[in-house]
Amino acid sequence: MITNTERRFINEWVEQKSGPRWKYYLLFGLAWTAVSFLVIFFLTKLFTSLWATGGANLIYIFIIISLVTGFLYTHFTYVTNEKKYHRIMDREKRNAN
């Protein structure tokens, strides 16, 4: 039996992954890139003096780190949600038989 939480997850996941995978990665990858950039930027601004020593090149390093972090997190989320979706569906197929 599917719980309400699982049913909500299934509905949201099917809607999110509808369409090509690259659109999912582009949308959520860019969103997580922006979030990670803001976190890295403000934490380094708040807790370190890297801005005095890093100069203008430091912003490029933050952008690269943010891009990698954003797309890795997007990939991790996609794979995890896909496994969870298949685990629920497999369980329901076994229970139906």
Protein backbone atom coordinates (compact mmCIF):
# COMPACT_ATOMS: atom_id res chain seq x y z
CA MET A 1 0.00 0.00 0.00
CA ILE A 2 1.34 3.40 -0.99
CA THR A 3 1.31 6.01 1.76
CA ASN A 4 0.22 9.59 1.15
CA THR A 5 3.83 10.75 1.35
CA GLU A 6 4.90 8.21 -1.27
CA ARG A 7 1.96 9.11 -3.50
CA ARG A 8 2.90 12.79 -3.28
CA PHE A 9 6.53 11.93 -4.04
CA ILE A 10 5.52 9.84 -7.06
CA ASN A 11 3.30 12.60 -8.45
CA GLU A 12 5.91 15.29 -7.98
CA TRP A 13 8.75 13.15 -9.31
CA VAL A 14 6.86 12.08 -12.43
CA GLU A 15 6.04 15.74 -13.12
CA GLN A 16 9.63 16.90 -12.52
CA LYS A 17 11.27 14.28 -14.68
CA SER A 18 8.78 14.52 -17.53
CA GLY A 19 10.54 15.62 -20.67
CA PRO A 20 14.20 15.31 -21.54
CA ARG A 21 16.71 14.72 -18.78
CA TRP A 22 18.92 17.60 -19.94
CA LYS A 23 16.12 20.07 -19.13
CA TYR A 24 15.93 18.75 -15.58
CA TYR A 25 19.71 19.01 -15.22
CA LEU A 26 19.77 22.50 -16.73
CA LEU A 27 16.99 23.88 -14.55
CA PHE A 28 18.03 22.38 -11.24
CA GLY A 29 21.76 22.55 -12.00
CA LEU A 30 21.57 26.29 -12.53
CA ALA A 31 19.41 26.75 -9.45
CA TRP A 32 21.79 24.81 -7.21
CA THR A 33 24.74 26.61 -8.80
CA ALA A 34 23.25 29.95 -7.78
CA VAL A 35 22.53 28.73 -4.26
CA SER A 36 26.01 27.26 -3.81
CA PHE A 37 27.64 30.41 -5.18
CA LEU A 38 25.78 32.60 -2.71
CA VAL A 39 26.66 30.32 0.19
CA ILE A 40 30.35 30.15 -0.75
CA PHE A 41 30.53 33.87 -1.44
CA PHE A 42 28.97 35.00 1.83
CA LEU A 43 30.75 32.44 3.99
CA THR A 44 34.17 33.43 2.64
CA LYS A 45 33.28 37.09 2.94
CA LEU A 46 32.17 36.58 6.52
CA PHE A 47 34.81 34.23 7.91
CA THR A 48 38.01 34.77 5.91
CA SER A 49 40.22 37.46 4.49
CA LEU A 50 40.60 35.72 1.12
CA TRP A 51 39.24 38.77 -0.66
CA ALA A 52 42.28 40.78 0.32
CA THR A 53 44.69 38.13 -0.97
CA GLY A 54 42.68 36.44 -3.74
CA GLY A 55 41.81 39.47 -5.79
CA ALA A 56 39.58 39.37 -8.84
CA ASN A 57 40.52 35.79 -9.75
CA LEU A 58 38.83 34.52 -6.60
CA ILE A 59 35.38 35.14 -8.10
CA TYR A 60 36.21 32.86 -11.04
CA ILE A 61 37.27 30.11 -8.68
CA PHE A 62 33.95 30.49 -6.80
CA ILE A 63 31.99 30.29 -10.05
CA ILE A 64 33.77 27.07 -11.08
CA ILE A 65 33.31 25.51 -7.63
CA SER A 66 29.63 26.53 -7.67
CA LEU A 67 29.04 25.04 -11.12
CA VAL A 68 30.60 21.74 -10.12
CA THR A 69 28.74 21.66 -6.81
CA GLY A 70 25.41 22.57 -8.41
CA PHE A 71 25.55 19.93 -11.10
CA LEU A 72 26.88 17.23 -8.75
CA TYR A 73 24.05 17.91 -6.31
CA THR A 74 21.54 17.83 -9.17
CA HIS A 75 22.90 14.50 -10.37
CA PHE A 76 22.88 13.05 -6.85
CA THR A 77 19.28 14.18 -6.33
CA TYR A 78 18.15 12.77 -9.68
CA VAL A 79 19.75 9.38 -9.07
CA THR A 80 18.43 9.18 -5.49
CA ASN A 81 14.89 10.11 -6.49
CA GLU A 82 14.91 7.69 -9.40
CA LYS A 83 16.01 4.83 -7.13
CA LYS A 84 13.33 5.73 -4.59
CA TYR A 85 10.69 5.84 -7.34
CA HIS A 86 11.69 2.43 -8.71
CA ARG A 87 11.85 0.93 -5.21
CA ILE A 88 8.27 2.06 -4.50
CA MET A 89 7.01 0.84 -7.87
CA ASP A 90 8.74 -2.54 -7.52
CA ARG A 91 7.27 -2.97 -4.04
CA GLU A 92 3.80 -2.21 -5.36
CA LYS A 93 4.21 -4.68 -8.23
CA ARG A 94 5.20 -7.42 -5.77
CA ASN A 95 2.25 -6.59 -3.52
CA ALA A 96 -0.14 -6.64 -6.48
CA ASN A 97 0.87 -10.19 -7.45
